[in-house]
Amino acid sequence: MTTLKLDPRLLAFVVGTRAALAFGAALLLADRIPRRRRRAIGLALVAIGAATTVPAALAVFGSREPETEGLEAGI
């Protein structure tokens, strides 16, 4: 089993990337803003969210640590 330790800054980065991706996708599906502006903003947010997914995933999976508590006790 592994333990995941996230720095608050890393957590904010991950949440921010997910929010940008979701908000961009929502803009692409909405009808309240003029189509041209909505499409430009939506595509930009989706691109930013998608581009930052890989660094966010690497940072999260790189912060995992093997749990040694059970191993040291011989369990």
PDB file of N, CA and C in Angstrom:
ATOM      1  N   MET A   1       0.845  -1.173   0.000  1.00  0.00           N
ATOM      2  CA  MET A   1       0.000   0.000   0.000  1.00  0.00           C
ATOM      3  C   MET A   1       0.893   1.240   0.000  1.00  0.00           C
ATOM      4  N   THR A   2       0.440   2.283  -0.632  1.00  0.00           N
ATOM      5  CA  THR A   2       1.225   3.511  -0.698  1.00  0.00           C
ATOM      6  C   THR A   2       0.469   4.650  -0.036  1.00  0.00           C
ATOM      7  N   THR A   3       1.239   5.616   0.420  1.00  0.00           N
ATOM      8  CA  THR A   3       0.680   6.814   1.027  1.00  0.00           C
ATOM      9  C   THR A   3       0.880   7.970   0.073  1.00  0.00           C
ATOM     10  N   LEU A   4      -0.146   8.764  -0.093  1.00  0.00           N
ATOM     11  CA  LEU A   4      -0.078   9.912  -0.983  1.00  0.00           C
ATOM     12  C   LEU A   4      -0.019  11.172  -0.136  1.00  0.00           C
ATOM     13  N   LYS A   5       1.067  11.915  -0.249  1.00  0.00           N
ATOM     14  CA  LYS A   5       1.228  13.165   0.485  1.00  0.00           C
ATOM     15  C   LYS A   5       1.263  14.304  -0.523  1.00  0.00           C
ATOM     16  N   LEU A   6       0.257  15.176  -0.453  1.00  0.00           N
ATOM     17  CA  LEU A   6       0.176  16.301  -1.378  1.00  0.00           C
ATOM     18  C   LEU A   6       0.405  17.611  -0.648  1.00  0.00           C
ATOM     19  N   ASP A   7       1.294  18.385  -1.186  1.00  0.00           N
ATOM     20  CA  ASP A   7       1.517  19.742  -0.714  1.00  0.00           C
ATOM     21  C   ASP A   7       0.281  20.562  -1.098  1.00  0.00           C
ATOM     22  N   PRO A   8      -0.146  21.503  -0.278  1.00  0.00           N
ATOM     23  CA  PRO A   8      -1.319  22.313  -0.637  1.00  0.00           C
ATOM     24  C   PRO A   8      -1.186  23.020  -1.991  1.00  0.00           C
ATOM     25  N   ARG A   9       0.016  23.427  -2.348  1.00  0.00           N
ATOM     26  CA  ARG A   9       0.225  24.061  -3.656  1.00  0.00           C
ATOM     27  C   ARG A   9      -0.002  23.080  -4.790  1.00  0.00           C
ATOM     28  N   LEU A  10       0.441  21.841  -4.613  1.00  0.00           N
ATOM     29  CA  LEU A  10       0.239  20.811  -5.628  1.00  0.00           C
ATOM     30  C   LEU A  10      -1.244  20.476  -5.751  1.00  0.00           C
ATOM     31  N   LEU A  11      -1.917  20.385  -4.629  1.00  0.00           N
ATOM     32  CA  LEU A  11      -3.350  20.122  -4.660  1.00  0.00           C
ATOM     33  C   LEU A  11      -4.089  21.246  -5.381  1.00  0.00           C
ATOM     34  N   ALA A  12      -3.717  22.485  -5.118  1.00  0.00           N
ATOM     35  CA  ALA A  12      -4.343  23.624  -5.800  1.00  0.00           C
ATOM     36  C   ALA A  12      -4.057  23.571  -7.303  1.00  0.00           C
ATOM     37  N   PHE A  13      -2.865  23.171  -7.690  1.00  0.00           N
ATOM     38  CA  PHE A  13      -2.521  23.039  -9.104  1.00  0.00           C
ATOM     39  C   PHE A  13      -3.380  21.983  -9.781  1.00  0.00           C
ATOM     40  N   VAL A  14      -3.530  20.840  -9.147  1.00  0.00           N
ATOM     41  CA  VAL A  14      -4.340  19.760  -9.709  1.00  0.00           C
ATOM     42  C   VAL A  14      -5.802  20.196  -9.821  1.00  0.00           C
ATOM     43  N   VAL A  15      -6.324  20.807  -8.771  1.00  0.00           N
ATOM     44  CA  VAL A  15      -7.712  21.269  -8.796  1.00  0.00           C
ATOM     45  C   VAL A  15      -7.893  22.343  -9.870  1.00  0.00           C
ATOM     46  N   GLY A  16      -6.931  23.233  -9.997  1.00  0.00           N
ATOM     47  CA  GLY A  16      -7.011  24.288 -11.010  1.00  0.00           C
ATOM     48  C   GLY A  16      -7.014  23.744 -12.430  1.00  0.00           C
ATOM     49  N   THR A  17      -6.193  22.728 -12.686  1.00  0.00           N
ATOM     50  CA  THR A  17      -6.171  22.151 -14.030  1.00  0.00           C
ATOM     51  C   THR A  17      -7.483  21.456 -14.355  1.00  0.00           C
ATOM     52  N   ARG A  18      -8.027  20.756 -13.390  1.00  0.00           N
ATOM     53  CA  ARG A  18      -9.317  20.079 -13.601  1.00  0.00           C
ATOM     54  C   ARG A  18     -10.436  21.104 -13.802  1.00  0.00           C
ATOM     55  N   ALA A  19     -10.393  22.188 -13.038  1.00  0.00           N
ATOM     56  CA  ALA A  19     -11.423  23.224 -13.161  1.00  0.00           C
ATOM     57  C   ALA A  19     -11.349  23.910 -14.522  1.00  0.00           C
ATOM     58  N   ALA A  20     -10.146  24.200 -15.003  1.00  0.00           N
ATOM     59  CA  ALA A  20      -9.996  24.842 -16.311  1.00  0.00           C
ATOM     60  C   ALA A  20     -10.533  23.937 -17.414  1.00  0.00           C
ATOM     61  N   LEU A  21     -10.227  22.666 -17.335  1.00  0.00           N
ATOM     62  CA  LEU A  21     -10.706  21.716 -18.337  1.00  0.00           C
ATOM     63  C   LEU A  21     -12.235  21.614 -18.305  1.00  0.00           C
ATOM     64  N   ALA A  22     -12.799  21.510 -17.125  1.00  0.00           N
ATOM     65  CA  ALA A  22     -14.254  21.393 -17.000  1.00  0.00           C
ATOM     66  C   ALA A  22     -14.960  22.681 -17.423  1.00  0.00           C
ATOM     67  N   PHE A  23     -14.431  23.821 -17.016  1.00  0.00           N
ATOM     68  CA  PHE A  23     -15.057  25.090 -17.370  1.00  0.00           C
ATOM     69  C   PHE A  23     -14.982  25.331 -18.875  1.00  0.00           C
ATOM     70  N   GLY A  24     -13.870  24.969 -19.477  1.00  0.00           N
ATOM     71  CA  GLY A  24     -13.735  25.107 -20.925  1.00  0.00           C
ATOM     72  C   GLY A  24     -14.722  24.223 -21.669  1.00  0.00           C
ATOM     73  N   ALA A  25     -14.880  22.989 -21.207  1.00  0.00           N
ATOM     74  CA  ALA A  25     -15.844  22.089 -21.839  1.00  0.00           C
ATOM     75  C   ALA A  25     -17.268  22.610 -21.663  1.00  0.00           C
ATOM     76  N   ALA A  26     -17.561  23.147 -20.493  1.00  0.00           N
ATOM     77  CA  ALA A  26     -18.898  23.705 -20.249  1.00  0.00           C
ATOM     78  C   ALA A  26     -19.167  24.900 -21.160  1.00  0.00           C
ATOM     79  N   LEU A  27     -18.171  25.740 -21.373  1.00  0.00           N
ATOM     80  CA  LEU A  27     -18.345  26.879 -22.269  1.00  0.00           C
ATOM     81  C   LEU A  27     -18.623  26.436 -23.700  1.00  0.00           C
ATOM     82  N   LEU A  28     -17.980  25.368 -24.109  1.00  0.00           N
ATOM     83  CA  LEU A  28     -18.207  24.877 -25.465  1.00  0.00           C
ATOM     84  C   LEU A  28     -19.636  24.358 -25.647  1.00  0.00           C
ATOM     85  N   LEU A  29     -20.258  23.937 -24.559  1.00  0.00           N
ATOM     86  CA  LEU A  29     -21.619  23.401 -24.637  1.00  0.00           C
ATOM     87  C   LEU A  29     -22.691  24.439 -24.320  1.00  0.00           C
ATOM     88  N   ALA A  30     -22.315  25.581 -23.787  1.00  0.00           N
ATOM     89  CA  ALA A  30     -23.291  26.590 -23.350  1.00  0.00           C
ATOM     90  C   ALA A  30     -23.776  27.429 -24.533  1.00  0.00           C
ATOM     91  N   ASP A  31     -24.878  28.158 -24.289  1.00  0.00           N
ATOM     92  CA  ASP A  31     -25.430  29.027 -25.324  1.00  0.00           C
ATOM     93  C   ASP A  31     -25.597  30.475 -24.865  1.00  0.00           C
ATOM     94  N   ARG A  32     -25.126  30.828 -23.702  1.00  0.00           N
ATOM     95  CA  ARG A  32     -25.349  32.168 -23.153  1.00  0.00           C
ATOM     96  C   ARG A  32     -24.397  33.229 -23.710  1.00  0.00           C
ATOM     97  N   ILE A  33     -23.226  32.844 -24.104  1.00  0.00           N
ATOM     98  CA  ILE A  33     -22.217  33.769 -24.629  1.00  0.00           C
ATOM     99  C   ILE A  33     -22.224  33.623 -26.158  1.00  0.00           C
ATOM    100  N   PRO A  34     -21.961  34.699 -26.894  1.00  0.00           N
ATOM    101  CA  PRO A  34     -21.908  34.575 -28.361  1.00  0.00           C
ATOM    102  C   PRO A  34     -20.961  33.451 -28.798  1.00  0.00           C
ATOM    103  N   ARG A  35     -21.365  32.743 -29.816  1.00  0.00           N
ATOM    104  CA  ARG A  35     -20.663  31.528 -30.248  1.00  0.00           C
ATOM    105  C   ARG A  35     -19.177  31.740 -30.482  1.00  0.00           C
ATOM    106  N   ARG A  36     -18.784  32.765 -31.174  1.00  0.00           N
ATOM    107  CA  ARG A  36     -17.377  32.988 -31.525  1.00  0.00           C
ATOM    108  C   ARG A  36     -16.516  33.179 -30.269  1.00  0.00           C
ATOM    109  N   ARG A  37     -16.978  34.022 -29.361  1.00  0.00           N
ATOM    110  CA  ARG A  37     -16.229  34.282 -28.124  1.00  0.00           C
ATOM    111  C   ARG A  37     -16.203  33.036 -27.242  1.00  0.00           C
ATOM    112  N   ARG A  38     -17.340  32.368 -27.131  1.00  0.00           N
ATOM    113  CA  ARG A  38     -17.448  31.160 -26.303  1.00  0.00           C
ATOM    114  C   ARG A  38     -16.501  30.081 -26.807  1.00  0.00           C
ATOM    115  N   ARG A  39     -16.443  29.917 -28.122  1.00  0.00           N
ATOM    116  CA  ARG A  39     -15.577  28.892 -28.700  1.00  0.00           C
ATOM    117  C   ARG A  39     -14.105  29.201 -28.440  1.00  0.00           C
ATOM    118  N   ALA A  40     -13.703  30.454 -28.603  1.00  0.00           N
ATOM    119  CA  ALA A  40     -12.300  30.831 -28.377  1.00  0.00           C
ATOM    120  C   ALA A  40     -11.890  30.618 -26.921  1.00  0.00           C
ATOM    121  N   ILE A  41     -12.714  31.094 -26.000  1.00  0.00           N
ATOM    122  CA  ILE A  41     -12.399  30.951 -24.577  1.00  0.00           C
ATOM    123  C   ILE A  41     -12.444  29.482 -24.173  1.00  0.00           C
ATOM    124  N   GLY A  42     -13.463  28.768 -24.623  1.00  0.00           N
ATOM    125  CA  GLY A  42     -13.611  27.355 -24.281  1.00  0.00           C
ATOM    126  C   GLY A  42     -12.457  26.512 -24.770  1.00  0.00           C
ATOM    127  N   LEU A  43     -12.061  26.722 -26.020  1.00  0.00           N
ATOM    128  CA  LEU A  43     -10.932  25.954 -26.557  1.00  0.00           C
ATOM    129  C   LEU A  43      -9.624  26.280 -25.846  1.00  0.00           C
ATOM    130  N   ALA A  44      -9.442  27.541 -25.485  1.00  0.00           N
ATOM    131  CA  ALA A  44      -8.228  27.922 -24.756  1.00  0.00           C
ATOM    132  C   ALA A  44      -8.177  27.239 -23.393  1.00  0.00           C
ATOM    133  N   LEU A  45      -9.305  27.241 -22.682  1.00  0.00           N
ATOM    134  CA  LEU A  45      -9.334  26.595 -21.358  1.00  0.00           C
ATOM    135  C   LEU A  45      -9.165  25.083 -21.456  1.00  0.00           C
ATOM    136  N   VAL A  46      -9.778  24.467 -22.446  1.00  0.00           N
ATOM    137  CA  VAL A  46      -9.610  23.029 -22.634  1.00  0.00           C
ATOM    138  C   VAL A  46      -8.151  22.713 -22.967  1.00  0.00           C
ATOM    139  N   ALA A  47      -7.529  23.520 -23.809  1.00  0.00           N
ATOM    140  CA  ALA A  47      -6.119  23.300 -24.161  1.00  0.00           C
ATOM    141  C   ALA A  47      -5.211  23.448 -22.944  1.00  0.00           C
ATOM    142  N   ILE A  48      -5.459  24.468 -22.135  1.00  0.00           N
ATOM    143  CA  ILE A  48      -4.656  24.661 -20.922  1.00  0.00           C
ATOM    144  C   ILE A  48      -4.851  23.490 -19.965  1.00  0.00           C
ATOM    145  N   GLY A  49      -6.105  23.100 -19.763  1.00  0.00           N
ATOM    146  CA  GLY A  49      -6.389  21.971 -18.873  1.00  0.00           C
ATOM    147  C   GLY A  49      -5.764  20.684 -19.353  1.00  0.00           C
ATOM    148  N   ALA A  50      -5.847  20.440 -20.661  1.00  0.00           N
ATOM    149  CA  ALA A  50      -5.265  19.213 -21.220  1.00  0.00           C
ATOM    150  C   ALA A  50      -3.738  19.239 -21.165  1.00  0.00           C
ATOM    151  N   ALA A  51      -3.154  20.385 -21.452  1.00  0.00           N
ATOM    152  CA  ALA A  51      -1.687  20.489 -21.450  1.00  0.00           C
ATOM    153  C   ALA A  51      -1.097  20.345 -20.054  1.00  0.00           C
ATOM    154  N   THR A  52      -1.828  20.747 -19.042  1.00  0.00           N
ATOM    155  CA  THR A  52      -1.304  20.664 -17.674  1.00  0.00           C
ATOM    156  C   THR A  52      -1.692  19.361 -16.987  1.00  0.00           C
ATOM    157  N   THR A  53      -2.417  18.494 -17.666  1.00  0.00           N
ATOM    158  CA  THR A  53      -2.802  17.216 -17.072  1.00  0.00           C
ATOM    159  C   THR A  53      -1.587  16.324 -16.840  1.00  0.00           C
ATOM    160  N   VAL A  54      -0.720  16.230 -17.805  1.00  0.00           N
ATOM    161  CA  VAL A  54       0.446  15.347 -17.673  1.00  0.00           C
ATOM    162  C   VAL A  54       1.367  15.800 -16.540  1.00  0.00           C
ATOM    163  N   PRO A  55       1.770  17.077 -16.454  1.00  0.00           N
ATOM    164  CA  PRO A  55       2.604  17.479 -15.325  1.00  0.00           C
ATOM    165  C   PRO A  55       1.910  17.286 -13.969  1.00  0.00           C
ATOM    166  N   ALA A  56       0.596  17.514 -13.930  1.00  0.00           N
ATOM    167  CA  ALA A  56      -0.136  17.320 -12.676  1.00  0.00           C
ATOM    168  C   ALA A  56      -0.139  15.846 -12.278  1.00  0.00           C
ATOM    169  N   ALA A  57      -0.389  14.971 -13.237  1.00  0.00           N
ATOM    170  CA  ALA A  57      -0.401  13.536 -12.946  1.00  0.00           C
ATOM    171  C   ALA A  57       0.978  13.055 -12.510  1.00  0.00           C
ATOM    172  N   LEU A  58       2.010  13.516 -13.182  1.00  0.00           N
ATOM    173  CA  LEU A  58       3.371  13.121 -12.794  1.00  0.00           C
ATOM    174  C   LEU A  58       3.706  13.609 -11.393  1.00  0.00           C
ATOM    175  N   ALA A  59       3.282  14.803 -11.060  1.00  0.00           N
ATOM    176  CA  ALA A  59       3.546  15.343  -9.726  1.00  0.00           C
ATOM    177  C   ALA A  59       2.807  14.548  -8.651  1.00  0.00           C
ATOM    178  N   VAL A  60       1.571  14.184  -8.927  1.00  0.00           N
ATOM    179  CA  VAL A  60       0.795  13.420  -7.943  1.00  0.00           C
ATOM    180  C   VAL A  60       1.364  12.019  -7.784  1.00  0.00           C
ATOM    181  N   PHE A  61       1.609  11.331  -8.887  1.00  0.00           N
ATOM    182  CA  PHE A  61       2.121   9.972  -8.783  1.00  0.00           C
ATOM    183  C   PHE A  61       3.565   9.947  -8.295  1.00  0.00           C
ATOM    184  N   GLY A  62       4.286  11.029  -8.479  1.00  0.00           N
ATOM    185  CA  GLY A  62       5.654  11.114  -7.968  1.00  0.00           C
ATOM    186  C   GLY A  62       5.711  11.379  -6.476  1.00  0.00           C
ATOM    187  N   SER A  63       4.597  11.794  -5.883  1.00  0.00           N
ATOM    188  CA  SER A  63       4.586  12.098  -4.457  1.00  0.00           C
ATOM    189  C   SER A  63       4.145  10.906  -3.616  1.00  0.00           C
ATOM    190  N   ARG A  64       3.921   9.767  -4.251  1.00  0.00           N
ATOM    191  CA  ARG A  64       3.537   8.572  -3.494  1.00  0.00           C
ATOM    192  C   ARG A  64       4.756   8.001  -2.799  1.00  0.00           C
ATOM    193  N   GLU A  65       4.532   7.488  -1.611  1.00  0.00           N
ATOM    194  CA  GLU A  65       5.604   6.864  -0.842  1.00  0.00           C
ATOM    195  C   GLU A  65       5.136   5.497  -0.376  1.00  0.00           C
ATOM    196  N   PRO A  66       6.007   4.487  -0.468  1.00  0.00           N
ATOM    197  CA  PRO A  66       5.595   3.175   0.032  1.00  0.00           C
ATOM    198  C   PRO A  66       5.385   3.221   1.538  1.00  0.00           C
ATOM    199  N   GLU A  67       4.356   2.543   1.991  1.00  0.00           N
ATOM    200  CA  GLU A  67       4.076   2.526   3.417  1.00  0.00           C
ATOM    201  C   GLU A  67       4.931   1.453   4.069  1.00  0.00           C
ATOM    202  N   THR A  68       5.759   1.849   5.029  1.00  0.00           N
ATOM    203  CA  THR A  68       6.691   0.927   5.655  1.00  0.00           C
ATOM    204  C   THR A  68       6.265   0.529   7.042  1.00  0.00           C
ATOM    205  N   GLU A  69       5.140   1.039   7.508  1.00  0.00           N
ATOM    206  CA  GLU A  69       4.705   0.770   8.873  1.00  0.00           C
ATOM    207  C   GLU A  69       4.468  -0.721   9.105  1.00  0.00           C
ATOM    208  N   GLY A  70       3.749  -1.391   8.224  1.00  0.00           N
ATOM    209  CA  GLY A  70       3.460  -2.806   8.373  1.00  0.00           C
ATOM    210  C   GLY A  70       4.675  -3.669   8.117  1.00  0.00           C
ATOM    211  N   LEU A  71       5.573  -3.227   7.254  1.00  0.00           N
ATOM    212  CA  LEU A  71       6.766  -3.999   6.926  1.00  0.00           C
ATOM    213  C   LEU A  71       7.759  -4.035   8.074  1.00  0.00           C
ATOM    214  N   GLU A  72       7.888  -2.935   8.792  1.00  0.00           N
ATOM    215  CA  GLU A  72       8.839  -2.881   9.895  1.00  0.00           C
ATOM    216  C   GLU A  72       8.388  -3.754  11.068  1.00  0.00           C
ATOM    217  N   ALA A  73       7.095  -3.877  11.251  1.00  0.00           N
ATOM    218  CA  ALA A  73       6.583  -4.667  12.365  1.00  0.00           C
ATOM    219  C   ALA A  73       6.559  -6.169  12.025  1.00  0.00           C
ATOM    220  N   GLY A  74       6.859  -6.509  10.746  1.00  0.00           N
ATOM    221  CA  GLY A  74       6.858  -7.892  10.357  1.00  0.00           C
ATOM    222  C   GLY A  74       5.470  -8.423  10.046  1.00  0.00           C
ATOM    223  N   ILE A  75       4.545  -7.529   9.799  1.00  0.00           N
ATOM    224  CA  ILE A  75       3.166  -7.948   9.501  1.00  0.00           C
ATOM    225  C   ILE A  75       2.985  -8.080   8.016  1.00  0.00           C
TER     226      ILE A  75
END
